[in-house]
Amino acid sequence: MTFNPKALIDKNPMTGLQYATIFVCFLMNMLDGMDVLVISYTAPAIAKDWDISPAALGTVFSSGLFGMTLGTLFLAPFADKIGRKSIILISGIIMGVCIYLTSYSTSITHLLIYRFISGLGIGSMLASTASLASEYTPNKTRDFWVSFVISGYPVGAVLSGLVAARVIPNDGWQHMFRIAGIASMFSVPLILFFLSESIDFYLRAQPTNALEKLNKILVKMNIQPIEALPIVEKLKSKLPVDQLLKSDFRKPTIQLWAALFMAFAALYFLTSWIPKLAKDAGLSMELAIYAGTIFNLGAFFGIITQGYFSSKYGLKKTLGVILVLTGVLMASFGLFVGSDIVLLIFALLGFGIQGGFVGLYALSARLYPTEFRTTGVGWAMGAGRLGGIVGPTLAGFLIAAGLGIATNFLIFALPAALAGIITSRIDSKEIS
């Protein structure tokens, strides 16, 4: 009889090992959110200390985003060859060391280098944790748990913002990078001792001592150990990117990439310009600063809610509805300009756009088999991050051209709604 770990995970109750894996993945995404946003929180203080222009800092933001894109495209796929846990460990070390070293930067060049390298770790972290969470959770609740793991990202963004508000004025921007770097490095022992490698990885990649390591995991999950590893046909390509565009996967892959490109364009338009957009919408400077926190709080609840409804009604339908409704809300944003209700609208936008795009991570984790799952998730995120580059850049041109806030929101409502329509039509039997 063929050993089928998925069937056993689906049938048996969750164990402490599975919950520990989910917790560590959630924590790593919290650190991810902190490490991404720390440069945004420290940027005003750096600009003041060094007397540099916003344009110069813009290159630093782009450097980090470029590193994240390359991390998702080229570092994350190695998880399919050397293991999810190994890549998460490598990513955590890269993030911790580079972010700590950023505190010693004395020039834009230093910032560019450190943000780029830390971006490699940040980018590969999200793809790897999403894949691992999907492999350790039952089919019925998998979409919820994957979304829960990714929801650590906005939680980290909110908490780091609260810490930055106290640390930077009192101790300087350098201290904030040290705190973020040390926090990331403290995660390394947690990964080593509490994170379990993927069962599917041991079964299919079969690294050294795979059977012994696999059986230790099975015993902890109350599953009978196996006597021998199955015979598997290994992929010929060293990094199986080509598998994403073969036969059954070509159409859904292109659809997923298009949906993520659109969703990221709308998301990064909002996240990059929230303080300015909030100020232009009539909020006081103090309330405008809190708009980003409100947006990320809404995101956390949106991600959890989306995960629940996706498990109940299916991913495609849930994400399609959420993203289309978000587009409608963005299109009607002009109706609320000038009133304090704008803060509520920002919370709802965080709820919708983040809930929707995180659901696409869960969708990509379902779409691809374990042999190249992290590759599939990583390349899907890479396609999305290209949208993340285009969105804020286009918004910058539109704002500079004098287009009003309502018009900008109307323009970016289109990719949000299109992401929902494309998602609802993704052609795959693996996704409900």
Protein backbone atom coordinates (compact mmCIF):
# COMPACT_ATOMS: atom_id res chain seq x y z
CA MET A 1 0.00 0.00 0.00
CA THR A 2 1.35 3.43 -0.99
CA PHE A 3 2.18 5.74 1.92
CA ASN A 4 0.00 8.85 1.61
CA PRO A 5 0.91 11.49 4.23
CA LYS A 6 -1.72 13.94 2.95
CA ALA A 7 -4.53 11.47 3.63
CA LEU A 8 -3.22 10.84 7.15
CA ILE A 9 -2.86 14.57 7.89
CA ASP A 10 -6.39 15.12 6.59
CA LYS A 11 -7.80 12.31 8.75
CA ASN A 12 -5.90 12.77 12.03
CA PRO A 13 -6.28 15.64 14.52
CA MET A 14 -3.59 18.35 14.53
CA THR A 15 -0.61 17.60 16.80
CA GLY A 16 1.79 19.77 18.77
CA LEU A 17 4.41 19.41 16.04
CA GLN A 18 2.03 20.85 13.46
CA TYR A 19 1.01 23.75 15.68
CA ALA A 20 4.68 24.47 16.46
CA THR A 21 5.46 24.55 12.73
CA ILE A 22 2.59 26.97 12.10
CA PHE A 23 3.67 29.17 15.03
CA VAL A 24 7.30 29.41 13.86
CA CYS A 25 6.19 30.19 10.29
CA PHE A 26 3.82 32.88 11.65
CA LEU A 27 6.65 34.35 13.74
CA MET A 28 9.01 34.41 10.77
CA ASN A 29 6.45 36.36 8.76
CA MET A 30 6.08 38.79 11.68
CA LEU A 31 9.82 39.39 11.46
CA ASP A 32 9.44 39.67 7.68
CA GLY A 33 6.89 42.46 8.11
CA MET A 34 9.11 44.21 10.64
CA ASP A 35 12.19 43.96 8.44
CA VAL A 36 10.38 45.26 5.34
CA LEU A 37 8.86 48.27 7.09
CA VAL A 38 11.82 49.26 9.29
CA ILE A 39 13.35 51.27 6.44
CA SER A 40 10.08 53.19 5.97
CA TYR A 41 9.90 54.07 9.68
CA THR A 42 13.54 55.16 9.83
CA ALA A 43 13.61 56.99 6.47
CA PRO A 44 12.63 60.47 7.80
CA ALA A 45 15.31 60.32 10.53
CA ILE A 46 17.96 59.11 8.05
CA ALA A 47 17.06 61.86 5.59
CA LYS A 48 17.38 64.45 8.35
CA ASP A 49 20.70 63.11 9.70
CA TRP A 50 22.34 62.80 6.30
CA ASP A 51 20.55 65.71 4.60
CA ILE A 52 19.55 63.61 1.59
CA SER A 53 16.62 63.95 -0.79
CA PRO A 54 13.51 61.77 -0.93
CA ALA A 55 14.62 60.68 -4.40
CA ALA A 56 17.84 59.23 -2.95
CA LEU A 57 15.87 57.33 -0.33
CA GLY A 58 13.58 56.11 -3.10
CA THR A 59 16.52 54.20 -4.59
CA VAL A 60 16.99 52.48 -1.21
CA PHE A 61 13.32 51.41 -1.17
CA SER A 62 13.69 50.11 -4.73
CA SER A 63 16.87 48.23 -3.80
CA GLY A 64 15.05 46.33 -1.06
CA LEU A 65 12.13 45.54 -3.36
CA PHE A 66 14.51 44.39 -6.09
CA GLY A 67 16.21 42.07 -3.60
CA MET A 68 12.84 40.68 -2.50
CA THR A 69 11.89 40.01 -6.11
CA LEU A 70 15.13 38.13 -6.82
CA GLY A 71 14.75 36.27 -3.52
CA THR A 72 11.31 34.95 -4.51
CA LEU A 73 12.44 34.07 -8.04
CA PHE A 74 15.87 32.53 -7.45
CA LEU A 75 16.50 31.81 -3.74
CA ALA A 76 13.10 30.41 -2.73
CA PRO A 77 13.11 27.70 -5.46
CA PHE A 78 16.14 26.06 -3.78
CA ALA A 79 13.70 24.98 -1.05
CA ASP A 80 12.49 22.32 -3.48
CA LYS A 81 16.07 20.96 -3.62
CA ILE A 82 17.54 21.45 -0.13
CA GLY A 83 14.37 21.70 1.98
CA ARG A 84 11.90 24.28 3.26
CA LYS A 85 13.50 24.42 6.71
CA SER A 86 16.98 25.00 5.27
CA ILE A 87 15.84 27.95 3.15
CA ILE A 88 13.86 29.46 6.05
CA LEU A 89 16.99 29.16 8.23
CA ILE A 90 19.22 30.74 5.57
CA SER A 91 16.68 33.53 5.01
CA GLY A 92 16.47 34.24 8.75
CA ILE A 93 20.26 34.51 9.04
CA ILE A 94 20.48 36.81 6.00
CA MET A 95 17.75 39.05 7.38
CA GLY A 96 19.17 39.23 10.90
CA VAL A 97 22.80 39.89 9.96
CA CYS A 98 22.13 42.42 7.18
CA ILE A 99 19.51 44.39 9.08
CA TYR A 100 21.76 44.61 12.14
CA LEU A 101 24.69 45.76 9.97
CA THR A 102 22.45 48.44 8.45
CA SER A 103 22.73 50.31 11.78
CA TYR A 104 26.39 50.98 10.95
CA SER A 105 25.64 52.50 7.54
CA THR A 106 27.22 55.86 6.86
CA SER A 107 26.19 56.36 3.23
CA ILE A 108 23.45 55.66 0.71
CA THR A 109 25.72 53.02 -0.85
CA HIS A 110 25.78 51.06 2.41
CA LEU A 111 21.99 51.25 2.67
CA LEU A 112 21.55 50.08 -0.93
CA ILE A 113 23.78 47.03 -0.38
CA TYR A 114 22.29 46.00 2.97
CA ARG A 115 18.69 46.50 1.86
CA PHE A 116 19.28 44.50 -1.31
CA ILE A 117 20.85 41.53 0.51
CA SER A 118 18.26 41.54 3.31
CA GLY A 119 15.59 41.70 0.59
CA LEU A 120 16.84 38.36 -0.76
CA GLY A 121 16.07 36.74 2.60
CA ILE A 122 12.77 38.54 3.05
CA GLY A 123 11.55 37.52 -0.40
CA SER A 124 12.35 33.83 -0.02
CA MET A 125 10.93 33.67 3.53
CA LEU A 126 7.29 34.27 2.55
CA ALA A 127 7.31 31.67 -0.23
CA SER A 128 8.95 29.01 1.94
CA THR A 129 6.73 29.47 5.00
CA ALA A 130 3.57 29.41 2.87
CA SER A 131 4.66 26.12 1.27
CA LEU A 132 5.58 24.50 4.59
CA ALA A 133 2.33 25.55 6.26
CA SER A 134 0.31 24.10 3.38
CA GLU A 135 2.07 20.74 3.72
CA TYR A 136 1.50 20.35 7.47
CA THR A 137 -2.21 21.24 7.63
CA PRO A 138 -5.40 19.30 6.79
CA ASN A 139 -7.06 19.94 3.46
CA LYS A 140 -10.25 21.23 5.11
CA THR A 141 -8.51 24.05 7.00
CA ARG A 142 -5.36 24.46 4.88
CA ASP A 143 -6.39 27.78 3.31
CA PHE A 144 -7.06 29.23 6.76
CA TRP A 145 -3.70 28.13 8.18
CA VAL A 146 -1.69 29.36 5.19
CA SER A 147 -3.47 32.73 5.41
CA PHE A 148 -2.90 32.79 9.18
CA VAL A 149 0.84 32.22 8.69
CA ILE A 150 1.07 35.07 6.17
CA SER A 151 -0.99 37.32 8.48
CA GLY A 152 2.13 37.55 10.64
CA TYR A 153 3.42 40.05 8.07
CA PRO A 154 1.00 42.94 8.88
CA VAL A 155 1.22 42.10 12.60
CA GLY A 156 4.97 42.60 12.42
CA ALA A 157 4.46 45.82 10.48
CA VAL A 158 2.10 47.21 13.14
CA LEU A 159 4.24 46.18 16.14
CA SER A 160 7.45 47.51 14.60
CA GLY A 161 5.70 50.81 13.88
CA LEU A 162 4.69 51.13 17.52
CA VAL A 163 8.25 50.32 18.65
CA ALA A 164 9.76 52.72 16.11
CA ALA A 165 7.57 55.56 17.36
CA ARG A 166 9.23 55.23 20.79
CA VAL A 167 12.76 54.15 19.88
CA ILE A 168 13.71 56.47 17.01
CA PRO A 169 13.00 59.83 18.78
CA ASN A 170 14.83 58.70 21.94
CA ASP A 171 17.67 56.47 20.72
CA GLY A 172 18.06 57.21 17.00
CA TRP A 173 17.30 55.28 13.82
CA GLN A 174 20.40 53.08 14.22
CA HIS A 175 18.97 51.53 17.38
CA MET A 176 15.81 50.52 15.53
CA PHE A 177 17.85 48.51 13.01
CA ARG A 178 19.76 46.84 15.85
CA ILE A 179 16.51 45.81 17.54
CA ALA A 180 15.13 44.43 14.27
CA GLY A 181 18.37 42.59 13.47
CA ILE A 182 18.69 41.01 16.93
CA ALA A 183 15.02 39.94 16.87
CA SER A 184 15.58 38.21 13.52
CA MET A 185 18.74 36.46 14.76
CA PHE A 186 16.93 35.21 17.87
CA SER A 187 14.59 33.34 15.52
CA VAL A 188 17.44 31.07 14.34
CA PRO A 189 17.33 28.77 17.43
CA LEU A 190 13.53 28.57 17.10
CA ILE A 191 13.90 27.40 13.51
CA LEU A 192 16.58 24.86 14.44
CA PHE A 193 14.74 23.29 17.38
CA PHE A 194 11.01 23.80 16.75
CA LEU A 195 10.52 23.87 12.96
CA SER A 196 10.06 20.54 11.19
CA GLU A 197 11.09 19.83 7.63
CA SER A 198 8.42 19.00 5.06
CA ILE A 199 7.30 15.34 5.02
CA ASP A 200 6.74 15.55 1.27
CA PHE A 201 10.28 16.88 0.81
CA TYR A 202 11.77 13.84 2.57
CA LEU A 203 9.59 11.49 0.54
CA ARG A 204 10.36 13.01 -2.85
CA ALA A 205 13.82 14.65 -2.62
CA GLN A 206 15.15 11.89 -0.30
CA PRO A 207 18.25 13.64 1.10
CA THR A 208 20.80 11.85 3.33
CA ASN A 209 19.18 10.05 6.31
CA ALA A 210 15.75 11.01 4.98
CA LEU A 211 14.03 7.85 6.29
CA GLU A 212 15.33 8.29 9.85
CA LYS A 213 14.42 12.00 9.94
CA LEU A 214 11.01 11.35 8.39
CA ASN A 215 10.12 8.63 10.90
CA LYS A 216 11.00 10.91 13.84
CA ILE A 217 8.44 13.40 12.50
CA LEU A 218 5.82 10.71 11.89
CA VAL A 219 6.13 9.39 15.46
CA LYS A 220 5.61 12.89 16.86
CA MET A 221 2.48 13.17 14.70
CA ASN A 222 1.15 9.82 15.98
CA ILE A 223 1.63 8.21 12.56
CA GLN A 224 3.12 4.73 12.13
CA PRO A 225 6.76 4.88 10.89
CA ILE A 226 7.48 3.52 7.41
CA GLU A 227 10.07 0.84 6.57
CA ALA A 228 11.38 2.30 3.32
CA LEU A 229 11.13 5.40 1.21
CA PRO A 230 9.04 5.13 -1.96
CA ILE A 231 10.67 4.99 -5.36
CA VAL A 232 10.14 8.34 -7.03
CA GLU A 233 10.93 9.80 -10.42
CA LYS A 234 13.04 12.86 -9.78
CA LEU A 235 12.73 16.00 -11.88
CA LYS A 236 15.48 16.36 -14.46
CA SER A 237 15.85 20.13 -14.18
CA LYS A 238 18.04 21.45 -11.35
CA LEU A 239 15.50 24.14 -10.50
CA PRO A 240 12.12 23.12 -11.95
CA VAL A 241 10.92 26.55 -13.13
CA ASP A 242 10.14 25.04 -16.53
CA GLN A 243 7.50 22.80 -14.90
CA LEU A 244 5.33 25.85 -14.18
CA LEU A 245 4.57 26.38 -17.85
CA LYS A 246 4.11 22.76 -18.91
CA SER A 247 0.80 21.18 -19.94
CA ASP A 248 -1.67 21.25 -17.04
CA PHE A 249 0.04 24.12 -15.21
CA ARG A 250 0.54 26.62 -18.06
CA LYS A 251 -2.89 28.28 -18.10
CA PRO A 252 -3.47 28.48 -14.32
CA THR A 253 0.11 29.71 -13.81
CA ILE A 254 -0.37 32.59 -16.27
CA GLN A 255 -3.73 33.41 -14.68
CA LEU A 256 -2.19 33.37 -11.19
CA TRP A 257 0.70 35.59 -12.27
CA ALA A 258 -1.70 38.07 -13.86
CA ALA A 259 -3.92 38.16 -10.75
CA LEU A 260 -0.94 38.70 -8.44
CA PHE A 261 0.53 41.39 -10.71
CA MET A 262 -2.76 43.31 -10.54
CA ALA A 263 -3.25 42.75 -6.80
CA PHE A 264 0.31 43.83 -5.95
CA ALA A 265 0.00 46.95 -8.14
CA ALA A 266 -3.09 48.06 -6.18
CA LEU A 267 -1.60 47.00 -2.82
CA TYR A 268 1.72 48.79 -3.25
CA PHE A 269 -0.04 51.89 -4.58
CA LEU A 270 -1.84 52.02 -1.23
CA THR A 271 1.05 51.07 1.07
CA SER A 272 3.59 53.37 -0.60
CA TRP A 273 1.40 56.44 -0.63
CA ILE A 274 -0.88 56.02 2.40
CA PRO A 275 0.51 58.89 4.54
CA LYS A 276 0.39 61.34 1.64
CA LEU A 277 -2.99 60.07 0.41
CA ALA A 278 -4.43 60.31 3.93
CA LYS A 279 -3.13 63.88 4.29
CA ASP A 280 -4.54 64.83 0.86
CA ALA A 281 -7.85 63.25 1.87
CA GLY A 282 -8.24 65.84 4.61
CA LEU A 283 -6.80 64.12 7.68
CA SER A 284 -4.54 65.94 10.11
CA MET A 285 -0.83 65.06 9.99
CA GLU A 286 -1.19 63.07 13.24
CA LEU A 287 -4.09 61.01 11.90
CA ALA A 288 -2.33 60.58 8.55
CA ILE A 289 0.62 58.95 10.35
CA TYR A 290 -1.74 56.45 11.99
CA ALA A 291 -3.36 55.62 8.64
CA GLY A 292 -0.66 53.02 7.88
CA THR A 293 -1.21 51.31 11.24
CA ILE A 294 -4.97 51.30 10.69
CA PHE A 295 -4.45 49.85 7.21
CA ASN A 296 -2.31 46.99 8.57
CA LEU A 297 -4.72 46.27 11.42
CA GLY A 298 -7.48 45.95 8.85
CA ALA A 299 -5.16 43.69 6.86
CA PHE A 300 -4.69 41.26 9.75
CA PHE A 301 -8.45 40.84 10.26
CA GLY A 302 -8.98 40.65 6.50
CA ILE A 303 -6.44 37.85 6.12
CA ILE A 304 -7.94 35.80 8.96
CA THR A 305 -11.51 36.37 7.72
CA GLN A 306 -10.55 35.47 4.17
CA GLY A 307 -8.87 32.29 5.40
CA TYR A 308 -12.03 31.25 7.25
CA PHE A 309 -14.40 31.90 4.34
CA SER A 310 -11.99 30.30 1.84
CA SER A 311 -11.99 27.11 3.90
CA LYS A 312 -15.78 27.22 3.97
CA TYR A 313 -16.74 28.40 0.46
CA GLY A 314 -13.63 27.88 -1.65
CA LEU A 315 -10.63 30.02 -2.53
CA LYS A 316 -11.58 31.23 -6.00
CA LYS A 317 -15.06 32.40 -5.07
CA THR A 318 -13.97 34.05 -1.79
CA LEU A 319 -10.97 35.87 -3.28
CA GLY A 320 -12.92 36.94 -6.34
CA VAL A 321 -15.64 38.56 -4.23
CA ILE A 322 -13.18 40.23 -1.81
CA LEU A 323 -10.99 41.73 -4.54
CA VAL A 324 -13.88 42.95 -6.69
CA LEU A 325 -15.54 44.60 -3.65
CA THR A 326 -12.20 46.21 -2.79
CA GLY A 327 -12.08 47.63 -6.31
CA VAL A 328 -15.58 49.05 -5.86
CA LEU A 329 -14.56 50.64 -2.54
CA MET A 330 -11.46 52.18 -4.12
CA ALA A 331 -13.54 53.56 -7.00
CA SER A 332 -15.89 55.26 -4.53
CA PHE A 333 -13.08 56.66 -2.34
CA GLY A 334 -13.70 60.21 -3.57
CA LEU A 335 -17.07 60.22 -1.78
CA PHE A 336 -15.30 60.11 1.61
CA VAL A 337 -12.55 62.67 1.04
CA GLY A 338 -12.64 65.43 3.64
CA SER A 339 -14.15 63.41 6.50
CA ASP A 340 -12.60 61.40 9.33
CA ILE A 341 -14.43 58.33 8.02
CA VAL A 342 -11.44 58.06 5.66
CA LEU A 343 -9.61 56.19 8.45
CA LEU A 344 -12.34 53.55 8.44
CA ILE A 345 -12.07 53.33 4.66
CA PHE A 346 -8.31 52.73 4.95
CA ALA A 347 -9.00 49.92 7.44
CA LEU A 348 -11.52 48.36 5.03
CA LEU A 349 -9.07 48.70 2.14
CA GLY A 350 -6.40 46.92 4.20
CA PHE A 351 -8.98 44.26 5.05
CA GLY A 352 -9.83 43.69 1.38
CA ILE A 353 -6.63 44.12 -0.61
CA GLN A 354 -4.35 42.31 1.88
CA GLY A 355 -6.92 39.59 2.55
CA GLY A 356 -7.25 39.06 -1.19
CA PHE A 357 -3.61 39.03 -2.16
CA VAL A 358 -2.57 36.78 0.76
CA GLY A 359 -5.28 34.35 -0.35
CA LEU A 360 -3.43 34.14 -3.65
CA TYR A 361 -0.45 32.71 -1.72
CA ALA A 362 -2.70 29.97 -0.36
CA LEU A 363 -4.02 29.42 -3.87
CA SER A 364 -0.51 29.05 -5.33
CA ALA A 365 0.43 26.60 -2.54
CA ARG A 366 -2.57 24.45 -3.57
CA LEU A 367 -1.94 24.75 -7.29
CA TYR A 368 1.52 23.15 -7.43
CA PRO A 369 2.74 19.68 -6.31
CA THR A 370 5.39 19.42 -3.62
CA GLU A 371 8.20 18.70 -6.14
CA PHE A 372 8.16 22.33 -7.22
CA ARG A 373 5.70 23.97 -4.82
CA THR A 374 8.08 26.58 -3.40
CA THR A 375 9.31 27.32 -6.92
CA GLY A 376 5.69 27.89 -7.99
CA VAL A 377 4.89 30.09 -4.99
CA GLY A 378 8.16 31.99 -5.38
CA TRP A 379 7.68 32.75 -9.06
CA ALA A 380 4.05 33.72 -8.49
CA MET A 381 5.21 36.20 -5.83
CA GLY A 382 7.93 37.42 -8.19
CA ALA A 383 5.31 38.20 -10.83
CA GLY A 384 3.33 40.00 -8.14
CA ARG A 385 6.32 42.05 -7.02
CA LEU A 386 6.76 43.31 -10.57
CA GLY A 387 3.28 44.76 -10.15
CA GLY A 388 4.50 46.13 -6.83
CA ILE A 389 7.20 48.04 -8.70
CA VAL A 390 4.87 49.32 -11.43
CA GLY A 391 2.04 50.43 -9.07
CA PRO A 392 3.86 53.00 -6.89
CA THR A 393 5.91 54.26 -9.87
CA LEU A 394 2.79 54.88 -11.94
CA ALA A 395 1.10 56.51 -8.96
CA GLY A 396 4.09 58.83 -8.56
CA PHE A 397 3.74 60.00 -12.17
CA LEU A 398 -0.01 60.46 -11.82
CA ILE A 399 0.32 62.45 -8.59
CA ALA A 400 3.12 64.58 -10.11
CA ALA A 401 0.88 65.21 -13.15
CA GLY A 402 -1.69 66.78 -10.83
CA LEU A 403 -4.36 64.08 -10.82
CA GLY A 404 -6.53 64.25 -7.70
CA ILE A 405 -6.75 61.60 -5.02
CA ALA A 406 -10.19 60.40 -6.14
CA THR A 407 -8.94 59.93 -9.71
CA ASN A 408 -5.89 57.96 -8.53
CA PHE A 409 -8.08 55.64 -6.50
CA LEU A 410 -10.44 55.22 -9.45
CA ILE A 411 -7.52 54.24 -11.70
CA PHE A 412 -6.12 51.69 -9.25
CA ALA A 413 -9.57 50.26 -8.55
CA LEU A 414 -9.31 48.64 -11.99
CA PRO A 415 -6.37 46.28 -11.26
CA ALA A 416 -7.92 45.35 -7.88
CA ALA A 417 -11.19 44.34 -9.55
CA LEU A 418 -9.40 42.61 -12.45
CA ALA A 419 -7.38 40.56 -9.94
CA GLY A 420 -10.66 39.34 -8.45
CA ILE A 421 -12.19 38.47 -11.84
CA ILE A 422 -9.06 36.60 -13.01
CA THR A 423 -8.79 34.71 -9.70
CA SER A 424 -12.39 33.52 -9.88
CA ARG A 425 -11.63 31.99 -13.30
CA ILE A 426 -8.34 30.24 -12.57
CA ASP A 427 -8.49 26.91 -14.38
CA SER A 428 -7.33 24.21 -11.97
CA LYS A 429 -9.02 21.13 -10.49
CA GLU A 430 -6.78 21.48 -7.39
CA ILE A 431 -8.52 24.72 -6.32
CA SER A 432 -12.15 25.06 -5.32
